């Protein structure tokens, strides 16, 4: 475990993040200077996980998530991929945690790969970090764990009862061993906000001869249902995985994520891919933002309801055409814990004739029975915006995203990128109060994993009436430390 403190002397003149919890609203958002959360690499000695042709980006952190402890809002926990591989996953997942509202941070490896203390020897890579904290302070974290060479893969879960400092030995929610037919992907976990000890995990399970990225076989048949597992004993045991969104041939889900309404209703949001064609990045057909609902704690679920089509065009460097890997097929969702109003955001090209992705939002005030027409959230127009996140705090909904507004025509040597948060009062969204959280930084310095890569998502969570943000910043031109996870607090 390593620890470190903020290096910005100006922070000493600012309020700690915990004291921003009840800051009254103002015409402009208040933002603390970003804190570098990822310090010394706790997995730097690991040499596992290599595969033919794969590049490991040592010291590169990507794809962060963040959660705030409802029992102690000064306790904040994040997680990210550590040492990203070019062809999938990382050496492992690392948790960063603070117990003073974000002023001081520590980090510790999570036991999800053989690179980490207490991790399973079978799996030498891990991916898709996620963390959620229950009302009693128990933190739940999950991973996709798999082999650099080989077919074995699993969804693993671990818990922390001390604010993120230590994590329990991993529990396998599912394991598929020795076969290229199955691959479990894009898992998430959600702690029930009202029931201590209860949490819900969801993921998609690709089933086909070519469902596992390690397979050399190719076939036109595949499916990818949503699987679900639940714990009611603080993560000591998890229910046997069951299908909650069945899929037919050449259908799949991805990006499953549960939010819990104020009455205990579970809403699982996902991308419902319903078309034909090869299942692969850039070849997906019939992508849709969808959800299903459970009113009995996950025992039964409604059939999927389509909210809107997901019209991603993908993201490229506007000047060079170089690929950018983003969460282009991953919707993100949030719920107002008081009114139950639902929000979902995603990447969409519908606002510009299909030329480039921007951030779309739809909302429901009747428990998902009806949804507003998608509206564009990002500003300004004319540049790609991607990797949206959404959260609700007090009377405000916030949306985060990255964009290329600082890229000038003709610049082919760097790719200036910024991370933003924009806000709206609850109800009919009218976004403004846009705030730069990080950047501009050169995205060309980030790992290249099917394109320059910060992650398929970033972290945004309610912190009282403010927002906690955990995002990735590229360190311009530093090839020995390409990226870092950075934290800040934004007060409306």
Protein backbone atom coordinates (compact mmCIF):
# COMPACT_ATOMS: atom_id res chain seq x y z
CA UNK A 1 0.00 0.00 0.00
CA UNK A 2 1.30 3.44 -0.87
CA UNK A 3 0.13 6.87 0.17
CA UNK A 4 0.65 10.40 -1.00
CA UNK A 5 -0.70 13.90 -0.48
CA UNK A 6 -1.66 16.74 -2.75
CA UNK A 7 1.31 18.55 -4.20
CA UNK A 8 -0.50 21.81 -4.97
CA UNK A 9 0.39 24.35 -2.28
CA UNK A 10 -2.67 26.38 -3.24
CA UNK A 11 -4.84 23.59 -1.88
CA UNK A 12 -3.91 24.60 1.65
CA UNK A 13 -5.86 27.79 1.14
CA UNK A 14 -8.93 25.90 -0.03
CA UNK A 15 -11.63 24.06 1.83
CA UNK A 16 -11.17 20.28 2.02
CA UNK A 17 -13.59 18.43 -0.23
CA UNK A 18 -15.58 17.16 2.75
CA UNK A 19 -16.44 20.74 3.70
CA UNK A 20 -17.99 21.35 0.28
CA UNK A 21 -20.86 19.00 1.06
CA UNK A 22 -23.33 21.75 1.90
CA UNK A 23 -21.84 24.63 -0.07
CA UNK A 24 -24.70 26.76 -1.45
CA UNK A 25 -25.10 27.00 -5.21
CA UNK A 26 -23.51 29.82 -7.16
CA UNK A 27 -23.59 31.12 -10.71
CA UNK A 28 -20.29 29.39 -11.48
CA UNK A 29 -19.18 25.97 -10.26
CA UNK A 30 -16.48 25.72 -7.60
CA UNK A 31 -13.77 23.21 -8.49
CA UNK A 32 -10.88 22.06 -6.32
CA UNK A 33 -7.53 21.73 -8.11
CA UNK A 34 -7.18 18.18 -9.51
CA UNK A 35 -5.38 15.73 -7.23
CA UNK A 36 -3.14 13.03 -8.71
CA UNK A 37 -4.52 9.91 -7.05
CA UNK A 38 -2.34 7.26 -8.71
CA UNK A 39 1.08 7.35 -7.07
CA UNK A 40 3.86 4.76 -7.11
CA UNK A 41 2.83 1.73 -9.16
CA UNK A 42 2.06 -1.14 -6.74
CA UNK A 43 2.22 -3.72 -9.58
CA UNK A 44 5.47 -2.51 -11.18
CA UNK A 45 7.30 -5.78 -10.49
CA UNK A 46 4.74 -7.95 -12.29
CA UNK A 47 5.92 -9.71 -15.46
CA UNK A 48 2.83 -11.87 -16.03
CA UNK A 49 0.14 -11.67 -18.69
CA UNK A 50 2.24 -11.40 -21.84
CA UNK A 51 0.82 -12.56 -25.17
CA UNK A 52 2.32 -12.60 -28.67
CA UNK A 53 2.36 -9.08 -30.10
CA UNK A 54 0.88 -7.48 -26.97
CA UNK A 55 2.37 -4.26 -25.58
CA UNK A 56 2.20 -3.47 -21.88
CA UNK A 57 2.02 0.20 -20.95
CA UNK A 58 3.75 0.12 -17.58
CA UNK A 59 2.57 2.83 -15.14
CA UNK A 60 -0.45 3.65 -17.32
CA UNK A 61 -3.73 3.97 -15.43
CA UNK A 62 -7.03 3.90 -17.37
CA UNK A 63 -10.79 3.45 -16.90
CA UNK A 64 -11.52 4.81 -13.40
CA UNK A 65 -14.68 4.50 -11.31
CA UNK A 66 -15.47 6.26 -8.03
CA UNK A 67 -17.87 5.88 -5.10
CA UNK A 68 -18.59 7.90 -1.94
CA UNK A 69 -19.29 6.20 1.39
CA UNK A 70 -22.84 7.17 2.50
CA UNK A 71 -21.94 6.28 6.09
CA UNK A 72 -18.92 8.61 6.00
CA UNK A 73 -18.81 11.01 3.03
CA UNK A 74 -15.19 11.88 3.79
CA UNK A 75 -14.37 8.31 2.67
CA UNK A 76 -14.06 8.11 -1.12
CA UNK A 77 -12.95 5.00 -3.03
CA UNK A 78 -11.89 4.75 -6.67
CA UNK A 79 -10.58 1.93 -8.83
CA UNK A 80 -8.76 1.76 -12.15
CA UNK A 81 -6.83 -0.51 -14.50
CA UNK A 82 -3.11 -0.54 -13.74
CA UNK A 83 -0.56 -1.17 -16.55
CA UNK A 84 -2.89 -1.50 -19.53
CA UNK A 85 -2.21 -4.11 -22.23
CA UNK A 86 -2.68 -3.16 -25.89
CA UNK A 87 -4.90 -6.17 -26.56
CA UNK A 88 -7.10 -6.11 -23.47
CA UNK A 89 -7.03 -5.81 -19.71
CA UNK A 90 -4.18 -4.81 -17.44
CA UNK A 91 -1.74 -6.26 -14.95
CA UNK A 92 -4.48 -5.74 -12.39
CA UNK A 93 -6.89 -3.34 -10.74
CA UNK A 94 -5.86 -0.83 -8.09
CA UNK A 95 -8.05 0.94 -5.53
CA UNK A 96 -7.39 4.49 -4.40
CA UNK A 97 -9.04 5.63 -1.19
CA UNK A 98 -9.31 8.80 0.85
CA UNK A 99 -10.64 9.28 4.37
CA UNK A 100 -10.50 13.08 4.45
CA UNK A 101 -12.74 14.04 1.54
CA UNK A 102 -10.05 13.81 -1.12
CA UNK A 103 -7.19 15.74 0.50
CA UNK A 104 -5.00 12.69 1.13
CA UNK A 105 -5.02 9.53 -1.01
CA UNK A 106 -3.66 6.04 -0.60
CA UNK A 107 -3.67 3.15 -3.06
CA UNK A 108 -3.66 -0.63 -2.78
CA UNK A 109 -3.86 -3.42 -5.37
CA UNK A 110 -7.10 -5.38 -5.48
CA UNK A 111 -6.92 -9.22 -5.45
CA UNK A 112 -8.23 -9.74 -8.98
CA UNK A 113 -5.14 -11.01 -10.81
CA UNK A 114 -2.00 -13.00 -10.13
CA UNK A 115 -0.05 -9.73 -10.16
CA UNK A 116 -1.71 -8.64 -6.88
CA UNK A 117 -1.22 -10.04 -3.37
CA UNK A 118 -4.00 -12.53 -2.67
CA UNK A 119 -5.06 -12.60 -6.31
CA UNK A 120 -5.94 -15.84 -8.17
CA UNK A 121 -2.99 -17.58 -9.83
CA UNK A 122 -5.20 -18.66 -12.74
CA UNK A 123 -5.76 -15.13 -14.07
CA UNK A 124 -2.87 -12.83 -15.02
CA UNK A 125 -4.98 -9.93 -16.35
CA UNK A 126 -7.92 -7.94 -15.01
CA UNK A 127 -10.20 -5.29 -16.46
CA UNK A 128 -13.40 -3.22 -16.07
CA UNK A 129 -12.99 -1.82 -12.52
CA UNK A 130 -16.13 -0.92 -10.60
CA UNK A 131 -16.85 -0.02 -6.97
CA UNK A 132 -20.03 0.76 -5.02
CA UNK A 133 -20.55 1.41 -1.30
CA UNK A 134 -23.54 0.36 0.80
CA UNK A 135 -25.32 2.33 3.54
CA UNK A 136 -23.22 0.70 6.26
CA UNK A 137 -19.93 1.55 4.54
CA UNK A 138 -19.20 -1.86 2.99
CA UNK A 139 -17.51 -1.39 -0.39
CA UNK A 140 -18.11 -3.88 -3.19
CA UNK A 141 -15.77 -4.17 -6.16
CA UNK A 142 -15.80 -6.44 -9.22
CA UNK A 143 -13.49 -7.41 -12.06
CA UNK A 144 -13.32 -9.25 -15.33
CA UNK A 145 -10.29 -11.50 -14.82
CA UNK A 146 -8.75 -13.60 -17.60
CA UNK A 147 -5.58 -14.98 -19.15
CA UNK A 148 -3.16 -13.28 -21.49
CA UNK A 149 -2.77 -16.63 -23.25
CA UNK A 150 -5.61 -19.07 -22.71
CA UNK A 151 -9.38 -19.13 -22.52
CA UNK A 152 -10.12 -19.04 -18.78
CA UNK A 153 -12.12 -16.00 -17.64
CA UNK A 154 -14.29 -15.00 -14.69
CA UNK A 155 -16.25 -12.31 -12.93
CA UNK A 156 -14.71 -11.85 -9.48
CA UNK A 157 -15.97 -9.82 -6.50
CA UNK A 158 -14.24 -8.49 -3.39
CA UNK A 159 -15.31 -6.34 -0.45
CA UNK A 160 -13.72 -3.82 1.87
CA UNK A 161 -14.98 -3.08 5.37
CA UNK A 162 -12.30 -0.47 6.22
CA UNK A 163 -12.85 2.25 3.65
CA UNK A 164 -10.85 0.65 0.83
CA UNK A 165 -7.60 -0.05 2.70
CA UNK A 166 -7.91 -3.85 2.52
CA UNK A 167 -9.98 -6.16 0.32
CA UNK A 168 -11.32 -9.66 0.92
CA UNK A 169 -10.21 -12.69 -1.05
CA UNK A 170 -12.07 -12.73 -4.38
CA UNK A 171 -15.33 -14.62 -4.84
CA UNK A 172 -16.05 -16.06 -8.28
CA UNK A 173 -19.51 -15.07 -9.50
CA UNK A 174 -18.88 -17.11 -12.65
CA UNK A 175 -15.93 -18.91 -14.21
CA UNK A 176 -15.63 -20.26 -17.75
CA UNK A 177 -12.61 -22.50 -18.06
CA UNK A 178 -10.83 -24.05 -21.00
CA UNK A 179 -13.26 -23.13 -23.78
CA UNK A 180 -13.15 -20.38 -26.41
CA UNK A 181 -16.95 -20.41 -26.54
CA UNK A 182 -17.58 -18.13 -23.55
CA UNK A 183 -16.36 -14.73 -22.44
CA UNK A 184 -17.79 -12.64 -19.60
CA UNK A 185 -17.57 -8.91 -20.16
CA UNK A 186 -18.37 -5.41 -18.89
CA UNK A 187 -19.50 -6.23 -15.36
CA UNK A 188 -20.70 -3.70 -12.80
CA UNK A 189 -21.81 -3.84 -9.17
CA UNK A 190 -24.35 -1.70 -7.31
CA UNK A 191 -24.77 -1.66 -3.53
CA UNK A 192 -28.39 -1.33 -2.43
CA UNK A 193 -28.63 2.17 -0.93
CA UNK A 194 -31.15 1.10 1.73
CA UNK A 195 -30.34 -2.52 2.62
CA UNK A 196 -26.98 -3.14 4.34
CA UNK A 197 -25.15 -6.20 3.04
CA UNK A 198 -26.99 -6.32 -0.29
CA UNK A 199 -25.44 -5.66 -3.69
CA UNK A 200 -26.23 -6.57 -7.29
CA UNK A 201 -23.80 -7.54 -10.07
CA UNK A 202 -24.61 -7.69 -13.81
CA UNK A 203 -22.59 -8.46 -16.92
CA UNK A 204 -22.92 -9.85 -20.44
CA UNK A 205 -21.74 -13.35 -21.32
CA UNK A 206 -20.76 -13.80 -24.93
CA UNK A 207 -21.54 -17.29 -26.19
CA UNK A 208 -20.10 -18.34 -29.53
CA UNK A 209 -17.07 -20.01 -31.07
CA UNK A 210 -15.52 -16.54 -31.35
CA UNK A 211 -16.96 -14.99 -28.19
CA UNK A 212 -13.62 -15.15 -26.39
CA UNK A 213 -11.04 -12.70 -27.78
CA UNK A 214 -8.40 -15.46 -27.42
CA UNK A 215 -10.25 -17.72 -29.86
CA UNK A 216 -8.90 -18.21 -33.39
CA UNK A 217 -12.24 -19.56 -34.62
CA UNK A 218 -14.78 -17.49 -36.50
CA UNK A 219 -18.52 -18.03 -36.79
CA UNK A 220 -21.65 -16.12 -37.61
CA UNK A 221 -23.57 -17.48 -34.62
CA UNK A 222 -23.34 -15.80 -31.26
CA UNK A 223 -25.46 -14.50 -28.44
CA UNK A 224 -24.80 -12.39 -25.35
CA UNK A 225 -27.41 -12.42 -22.56
CA UNK A 226 -27.25 -10.38 -19.36
CA UNK A 227 -26.33 -12.35 -16.26
CA UNK A 228 -27.14 -11.29 -12.69
CA UNK A 229 -25.89 -12.25 -9.24
CA UNK A 230 -26.78 -10.90 -5.79
CA UNK A 231 -25.28 -10.91 -2.32
CA UNK A 232 -27.26 -10.42 0.88
CA UNK A 233 -24.46 -11.21 3.35
CA UNK A 234 -21.93 -8.41 2.68
CA UNK A 235 -20.24 -10.29 -0.15
CA UNK A 236 -19.53 -13.51 1.75
CA UNK A 237 -21.60 -15.43 -0.81
CA UNK A 238 -23.24 -14.58 -4.14
CA UNK A 239 -26.24 -16.18 -5.79
CA UNK A 240 -25.76 -18.46 -8.77
CA UNK A 241 -25.73 -16.34 -11.93
CA UNK A 242 -29.00 -16.24 -13.84
CA UNK A 243 -30.06 -14.75 -17.16
CA UNK A 244 -32.19 -11.61 -16.74
CA UNK A 245 -32.06 -10.39 -20.35
CA UNK A 246 -32.23 -13.35 -22.73
CA UNK A 247 -30.90 -12.80 -26.24
CA UNK A 248 -31.51 -14.61 -29.51
CA UNK A 249 -28.92 -15.53 -32.12
CA UNK A 250 -26.98 -12.45 -33.28
CA UNK A 251 -28.20 -10.44 -30.30
CA UNK A 252 -26.30 -9.33 -27.24
CA UNK A 253 -26.22 -6.82 -24.41
CA UNK A 254 -23.24 -4.84 -23.18
CA UNK A 255 -22.61 -2.18 -20.55
CA UNK A 256 -25.14 -3.48 -18.04
CA UNK A 257 -25.50 -1.23 -15.00
CA UNK A 258 -28.09 -1.24 -12.18
CA UNK A 259 -29.41 1.85 -10.41
CA UNK A 260 -31.82 1.59 -7.47
CA UNK A 261 -34.85 3.86 -7.21
CA UNK A 262 -36.09 5.37 -3.93
CA UNK A 263 -38.75 2.63 -3.57
CA UNK A 264 -36.24 -0.18 -4.06
CA UNK A 265 -36.99 -0.77 -7.74
CA UNK A 266 -33.97 -2.03 -9.68
CA UNK A 267 -33.33 -0.61 -13.16
CA UNK A 268 -30.75 -2.33 -15.33
CA UNK A 269 -29.55 -0.15 -18.22
CA UNK A 270 -27.60 -1.56 -21.16
CA UNK A 271 -26.91 -1.42 -24.87
CA UNK A 272 -29.22 -3.91 -26.59
CA UNK A 273 -27.62 -5.03 -29.85
CA UNK A 274 -30.35 -6.54 -31.97
CA UNK A 275 -29.13 -6.65 -35.56
CA UNK A 276 -27.21 -8.98 -37.80
CA UNK A 277 -23.61 -8.97 -38.89
CA UNK A 278 -20.31 -10.00 -37.37
CA UNK A 279 -20.05 -9.28 -33.68
CA UNK A 280 -17.02 -7.05 -33.39
CA UNK A 281 -15.88 -3.51 -32.73
CA UNK A 282 -16.90 -1.36 -35.67
CA UNK A 283 -19.28 -4.01 -37.01
CA UNK A 284 -22.13 -3.84 -34.52
CA UNK A 285 -25.64 -3.39 -35.85
CA UNK A 286 -28.88 -2.32 -34.26
CA UNK A 287 -27.44 -0.74 -31.11
CA UNK A 288 -30.06 0.60 -28.69
CA UNK A 289 -30.18 2.20 -25.25
CA UNK A 290 -32.46 -0.08 -23.23
CA UNK A 291 -33.44 -1.06 -19.72
CA UNK A 292 -35.29 -3.72 -17.77
CA UNK A 293 -36.86 -3.38 -14.32
CA UNK A 294 -37.34 -5.49 -11.19
CA UNK A 295 -39.71 -4.63 -8.34
CA UNK A 296 -38.95 -7.71 -6.23
CA UNK A 297 -35.24 -7.36 -5.47
CA UNK A 298 -34.07 -9.00 -8.67
CA UNK A 299 -36.16 -12.15 -8.59
CA UNK A 300 -38.07 -11.28 -11.76
CA UNK A 301 -37.40 -8.75 -14.50
CA UNK A 302 -39.46 -7.10 -17.22
CA UNK A 303 -38.68 -7.60 -20.87
CA UNK A 304 -36.25 -5.03 -22.29
CA UNK A 305 -37.67 -1.65 -23.23
CA UNK A 306 -35.88 0.39 -25.90
CA UNK A 307 -35.33 4.01 -24.82
CA UNK A 308 -33.67 5.24 -28.02
CA UNK A 309 -31.42 4.06 -30.80
CA UNK A 310 -27.71 4.42 -30.08
CA UNK A 311 -26.26 6.05 -33.20
CA UNK A 312 -22.55 6.05 -32.49
CA UNK A 313 -20.19 6.93 -35.32
CA UNK A 314 -17.12 6.11 -33.25
CA UNK A 315 -14.39 8.61 -32.43
CA UNK A 316 -11.30 9.49 -34.43
CA UNK A 317 -8.73 12.28 -34.41
CA UNK A 318 -10.43 14.98 -36.56
CA UNK A 319 -7.11 15.91 -38.16
CA UNK A 320 -5.39 12.55 -38.69
CA UNK A 321 -8.21 10.02 -38.63
CA UNK A 322 -6.38 7.99 -35.97
CA UNK A 323 -8.66 5.73 -33.94
CA UNK A 324 -9.76 6.72 -30.44
CA UNK A 325 -11.16 3.93 -28.30
CA UNK A 326 -14.05 5.20 -26.17
CA UNK A 327 -17.21 3.97 -24.49
CA UNK A 328 -19.09 4.44 -27.74
CA UNK A 329 -21.49 1.56 -27.11
CA UNK A 330 -21.76 1.95 -23.32
CA UNK A 331 -24.68 3.94 -21.83
CA UNK A 332 -24.40 5.35 -18.29
CA UNK A 333 -27.35 5.89 -15.93
CA UNK A 334 -28.32 7.63 -12.69
CA UNK A 335 -31.42 8.11 -10.55
CA UNK A 336 -32.55 10.92 -8.27
CA UNK A 337 -32.79 9.17 -4.87
CA UNK A 338 -35.66 11.46 -3.81
CA UNK A 339 -38.01 11.73 -6.79
CA UNK A 340 -36.92 8.62 -8.66
CA UNK A 341 -36.32 10.56 -11.90
CA UNK A 342 -34.09 8.49 -14.18
CA UNK A 343 -31.32 9.77 -16.45
CA UNK A 344 -29.28 7.96 -19.09
CA UNK A 345 -26.48 9.32 -21.29
CA UNK A 346 -24.60 7.87 -24.25
CA UNK A 347 -22.51 8.73 -27.32
CA UNK A 348 -24.58 9.58 -30.38
CA UNK A 349 -24.11 11.18 -33.79
CA UNK A 350 -27.80 12.04 -34.37
CA UNK A 351 -27.28 15.77 -33.78
CA UNK A 352 -24.83 16.27 -36.67
CA UNK A 353 -26.00 13.94 -39.42
CA UNK A 354 -23.97 10.94 -38.30
CA UNK A 355 -20.54 12.55 -38.68
CA UNK A 356 -19.16 12.35 -35.13
CA UNK A 357 -20.22 11.40 -31.60
CA UNK A 358 -21.66 13.82 -29.08
CA UNK A 359 -23.38 13.29 -25.71
CA UNK A 360 -27.08 12.45 -25.72
CA UNK A 361 -29.35 12.38 -22.67
CA UNK A 362 -32.85 11.05 -22.06
CA UNK A 363 -34.84 11.21 -18.81
CA UNK A 364 -37.95 9.61 -17.33
CA UNK A 365 -40.18 10.93 -14.55
CA UNK A 366 -42.55 7.94 -14.45
CA UNK A 367 -40.30 5.03 -13.54
CA UNK A 368 -39.23 4.35 -17.10
CA UNK A 369 -42.69 4.06 -18.68
CA UNK A 370 -41.89 6.97 -20.98
CA UNK A 371 -38.70 8.81 -21.92
CA UNK A 372 -37.89 12.25 -23.24
CA UNK A 373 -36.53 12.64 -26.76
CA UNK A 374 -32.70 12.56 -26.72
CA UNK A 375 -31.12 15.99 -26.26
CA UNK A 376 -27.53 17.09 -26.81
CA UNK A 377 -25.66 17.88 -23.58
CA UNK A 378 -22.15 18.85 -24.67
CA UNK A 379 -20.98 22.27 -25.78
CA UNK A 380 -19.65 23.59 -28.06
CA UNK A 381 -21.02 22.08 -31.25
CA UNK A 382 -18.68 20.93 -33.97
CA UNK A 383 -16.25 18.69 -32.07
CA UNK A 384 -16.48 15.07 -30.92
CA UNK A 385 -17.52 14.52 -27.28
CA UNK A 386 -17.24 11.09 -25.70
CA UNK A 387 -17.08 8.91 -22.56
CA UNK A 388 -20.11 10.51 -20.84
CA UNK A 389 -20.95 9.92 -17.19
CA UNK A 390 -23.96 11.06 -15.17
CA UNK A 391 -24.78 11.56 -11.49
CA UNK A 392 -27.42 13.26 -9.35
CA UNK A 393 -26.62 15.28 -6.19
CA UNK A 394 -29.13 17.39 -4.28
CA UNK A 395 -31.12 19.37 -6.83
CA UNK A 396 -28.63 18.95 -9.66
CA UNK A 397 -27.83 16.43 -12.38
CA UNK A 398 -24.27 16.49 -13.71
CA UNK A 399 -22.84 15.01 -16.90
CA UNK A 400 -19.13 14.54 -17.54
CA UNK A 401 -17.39 13.98 -20.88
CA UNK A 402 -14.19 14.46 -22.86
CA UNK A 403 -13.87 16.53 -26.04
CA UNK A 404 -11.44 17.99 -28.59
CA UNK A 405 -12.37 21.68 -28.50
CA UNK A 406 -8.74 22.72 -28.00
CA UNK A 407 -7.53 20.91 -31.13
CA UNK A 408 -6.70 23.39 -33.90
CA UNK A 409 -6.99 22.70 -37.61
CA UNK A 410 -3.71 21.36 -38.98
CA UNK A 411 -2.34 20.07 -35.66
CA UNK A 412 -1.31 16.49 -36.39
CA UNK A 413 1.45 16.15 -33.77
CA UNK A 414 -0.70 16.30 -30.61
CA UNK A 415 -4.34 15.71 -29.69
CA UNK A 416 -5.39 18.21 -26.99
CA UNK A 417 -8.23 16.73 -24.92
CA UNK A 418 -10.24 18.10 -22.00
CA UNK A 419 -12.48 16.55 -19.37
CA UNK A 420 -15.63 18.56 -18.57
CA UNK A 421 -18.60 18.53 -16.21
CA UNK A 422 -21.84 20.34 -17.08
CA UNK A 423 -24.89 20.66 -14.82
CA UNK A 424 -28.64 21.17 -14.87
CA UNK A 425 -31.37 21.55 -12.26
CA UNK A 426 -33.47 18.43 -11.87
CA UNK A 427 -36.61 18.08 -13.95
CA UNK A 428 -36.48 19.15 -17.61
CA UNK A 429 -32.70 19.32 -18.20
CA UNK A 430 -31.21 22.68 -19.18
CA UNK A 431 -27.45 22.24 -19.02
CA UNK A 432 -24.92 24.98 -18.39
CA UNK A 433 -22.37 25.87 -15.73
CA UNK A 434 -19.79 23.90 -17.73
CA UNK A 435 -16.52 23.34 -15.88
CA UNK A 436 -13.13 22.11 -17.10
CA UNK A 437 -11.98 19.35 -14.76
CA UNK A 438 -8.75 18.30 -16.50
CA UNK A 439 -6.81 19.32 -19.58
CA UNK A 440 -5.93 20.12 -22.12
CA UNK A 441 -3.66 17.06 -22.24
CA UNK A 442 -2.25 15.18 -25.23
CA UNK A 443 -4.34 12.07 -25.85
CA UNK A 444 -1.60 10.72 -28.16
CA UNK A 445 0.40 9.96 -25.01
CA UNK A 446 -2.30 7.55 -23.73
CA UNK A 447 -1.99 3.78 -24.26
CA UNK A 448 -3.05 2.52 -27.67
CA UNK A 449 -5.53 -0.31 -27.16
CA UNK A 450 -7.56 -0.43 -30.34
CA UNK A 451 -7.06 3.36 -30.43
CA UNK A 452 -5.79 5.94 -27.96
CA UNK A 453 -7.47 4.88 -24.74
CA UNK A 454 -8.47 6.59 -21.48
CA UNK A 455 -11.10 3.96 -20.73
CA UNK A 456 -14.66 3.10 -21.67
CA UNK A 457 -15.89 5.29 -18.80
CA UNK A 458 -14.79 7.62 -16.01
CA UNK A 459 -16.05 8.14 -12.47
CA UNK A 460 -18.64 10.70 -11.31
CA UNK A 461 -20.46 10.33 -7.99
CA UNK A 462 -22.62 12.39 -5.63
CA UNK A 463 -20.73 13.90 -2.70
CA UNK A 464 -23.42 15.54 -0.61
CA UNK A 465 -24.72 18.34 -2.84
CA UNK A 466 -21.45 18.32 -4.84
CA UNK A 467 -19.85 15.85 -7.24
CA UNK A 468 -16.74 13.71 -6.93
CA UNK A 469 -14.89 13.19 -10.22
CA UNK A 470 -12.22 10.59 -10.95
CA UNK A 471 -10.89 10.79 -14.50
CA UNK A 472 -7.74 10.02 -16.47
CA UNK A 473 -5.21 12.63 -17.55
CA UNK A 474 -2.46 11.90 -20.08
CA UNK A 475 1.01 13.15 -19.11
CA UNK A 476 2.07 14.90 -22.31
CA UNK A 477 4.95 13.05 -23.97
CA UNK A 478 5.93 11.06 -20.85
CA UNK A 479 6.24 7.53 -22.24
CA UNK A 480 7.34 6.12 -18.88
CA UNK A 481 4.20 7.38 -17.10
CA UNK A 482 1.63 7.92 -19.82
CA UNK A 483 -1.46 8.54 -17.69
CA UNK A 484 -2.63 9.20 -14.14
CA UNK A 485 -5.95 9.06 -12.31
CA UNK A 486 -6.96 12.52 -11.05
CA UNK A 487 -9.65 13.49 -8.55
CA UNK A 488 -11.53 16.68 -7.92
CA UNK A 489 -14.76 17.96 -6.37
CA UNK A 490 -17.22 20.16 -8.27
CA UNK A 491 -19.75 22.17 -6.28
CA UNK A 492 -22.71 23.66 -8.23
